[in-house]
Amino acid sequence: MTAENPIADDDAMAQIARLRERMDALVREKALPAMENLVAQGEATAREACAWSREHAETARGVVRTQPLAAVLIAAAVGFVLGRAAR
């Protein structure tokens, strides 16, 4: 409060308090549900990605078992290309 206008200071503080309450209500009503929805979507996407990677890893293992020479040659080629790119 200032000595010049204590009523204006009280009004400003009351407005700030009301605005803070409105912001809290908006966060509870809008932002939190939206964030919870995003978290749920992210978790579902992560589960799908894990399942996809497991499935494709098993497929790759099968190819390596049935065609080991091709797998070694492909791995060597990929290593060579990555090594050249890293220079």
Protein backbone atom coordinates (compact mmCIF):
# COMPACT_ATOMS: atom_id res chain seq x y z
CA MET A 1 0.00 0.00 0.00
CA THR A 2 1.14 3.46 -0.74
CA ALA A 3 0.34 6.40 1.47
CA GLU A 4 -1.09 8.25 -1.52
CA ASN A 5 -3.86 5.82 -2.48
CA PRO A 6 -4.33 2.77 -0.22
CA ILE A 7 -7.70 1.93 -1.84
CA ALA A 8 -6.17 1.58 -5.32
CA ASP A 9 -3.51 -0.74 -3.91
CA ASP A 10 -6.21 -2.90 -2.28
CA ASP A 11 -8.15 -3.00 -5.56
CA ALA A 12 -5.03 -4.04 -7.46
CA MET A 13 -4.27 -6.78 -4.95
CA ALA A 14 -7.86 -8.02 -5.15
CA GLN A 15 -7.65 -8.07 -8.97
CA ILE A 16 -4.40 -10.01 -8.82
CA ALA A 17 -5.98 -12.52 -6.43
CA ARG A 18 -9.00 -12.93 -8.73
CA LEU A 19 -6.76 -13.35 -11.78
CA ARG A 20 -4.69 -15.95 -9.96
CA GLU A 21 -7.86 -17.87 -9.05
CA ARG A 22 -9.03 -17.74 -12.68
CA MET A 23 -5.64 -18.97 -13.91
CA ASP A 24 -5.70 -21.85 -11.41
CA ALA A 25 -9.21 -22.79 -12.55
CA LEU A 26 -8.19 -22.67 -16.23
CA VAL A 27 -5.19 -24.86 -15.57
CA ARG A 28 -7.34 -27.39 -13.70
CA GLU A 29 -10.11 -27.37 -16.32
CA LYS A 30 -8.14 -27.15 -19.56
CA ALA A 31 -4.40 -27.68 -19.27
CA LEU A 32 -4.29 -30.67 -16.90
CA PRO A 33 -6.76 -32.80 -18.89
CA ALA A 34 -4.91 -31.93 -22.11
CA MET A 35 -1.58 -32.93 -20.56
CA GLU A 36 -3.05 -36.16 -19.21
CA ASN A 37 -4.35 -36.93 -22.71
CA LEU A 38 -0.92 -36.25 -24.21
CA VAL A 39 0.75 -38.49 -21.64
CA ALA A 40 -1.70 -41.31 -22.41
CA GLN A 41 -1.08 -40.91 -26.15
CA GLY A 42 2.67 -40.90 -25.58
CA GLU A 43 2.50 -44.05 -23.50
CA ALA A 44 0.40 -45.79 -26.15
CA THR A 45 2.82 -44.74 -28.88
CA ALA A 46 5.77 -45.96 -26.83
CA ARG A 47 4.09 -49.35 -26.31
CA GLU A 48 3.44 -49.62 -30.05
CA ALA A 49 7.04 -48.69 -30.84
CA CYS A 50 8.34 -51.34 -28.44
CA ALA A 51 6.10 -53.99 -29.96
CA TRP A 52 7.14 -52.96 -33.48
CA SER A 53 10.84 -53.05 -32.60
CA ARG A 54 10.52 -56.47 -30.94
CA GLU A 55 8.72 -57.85 -33.99
CA HIS A 56 11.28 -56.47 -36.43
CA ALA A 57 14.22 -57.51 -34.27
CA GLU A 58 12.91 -61.07 -34.35
CA THR A 59 12.56 -60.85 -38.14
CA ALA A 60 16.15 -59.59 -38.41
CA ARG A 61 17.37 -62.45 -36.18
CA GLY A 62 15.63 -64.91 -38.47
CA VAL A 63 17.28 -63.41 -41.56
CA VAL A 64 20.71 -63.50 -39.89
CA ARG A 65 20.18 -67.15 -38.97
CA THR A 66 19.10 -68.15 -42.45
CA GLN A 67 21.58 -65.95 -44.36
CA PRO A 68 24.58 -65.29 -42.12
CA LEU A 69 26.99 -64.37 -44.93
CA ALA A 70 24.62 -61.73 -46.33
CA ALA A 71 24.10 -60.35 -42.84
CA VAL A 72 27.85 -60.03 -42.24
CA LEU A 73 28.37 -58.35 -45.62
CA ILE A 74 25.53 -55.90 -44.99
CA ALA A 75 26.87 -55.09 -41.52
CA ALA A 76 30.34 -54.52 -42.96
CA ALA A 77 28.97 -52.25 -45.69
CA VAL A 78 26.95 -50.23 -43.18
CA GLY A 79 30.00 -49.92 -40.91
CA PHE A 80 32.12 -48.79 -43.83
CA VAL A 81 29.60 -46.15 -44.92
CA LEU A 82 29.15 -44.85 -41.36
CA GLY A 83 32.92 -44.77 -40.89
CA ARG A 84 33.37 -42.76 -44.06
CA ALA A 85 30.56 -40.41 -43.12
CA ALA A 86 32.07 -39.80 -39.68
CA ARG A 87 35.31 -38.44 -41.12
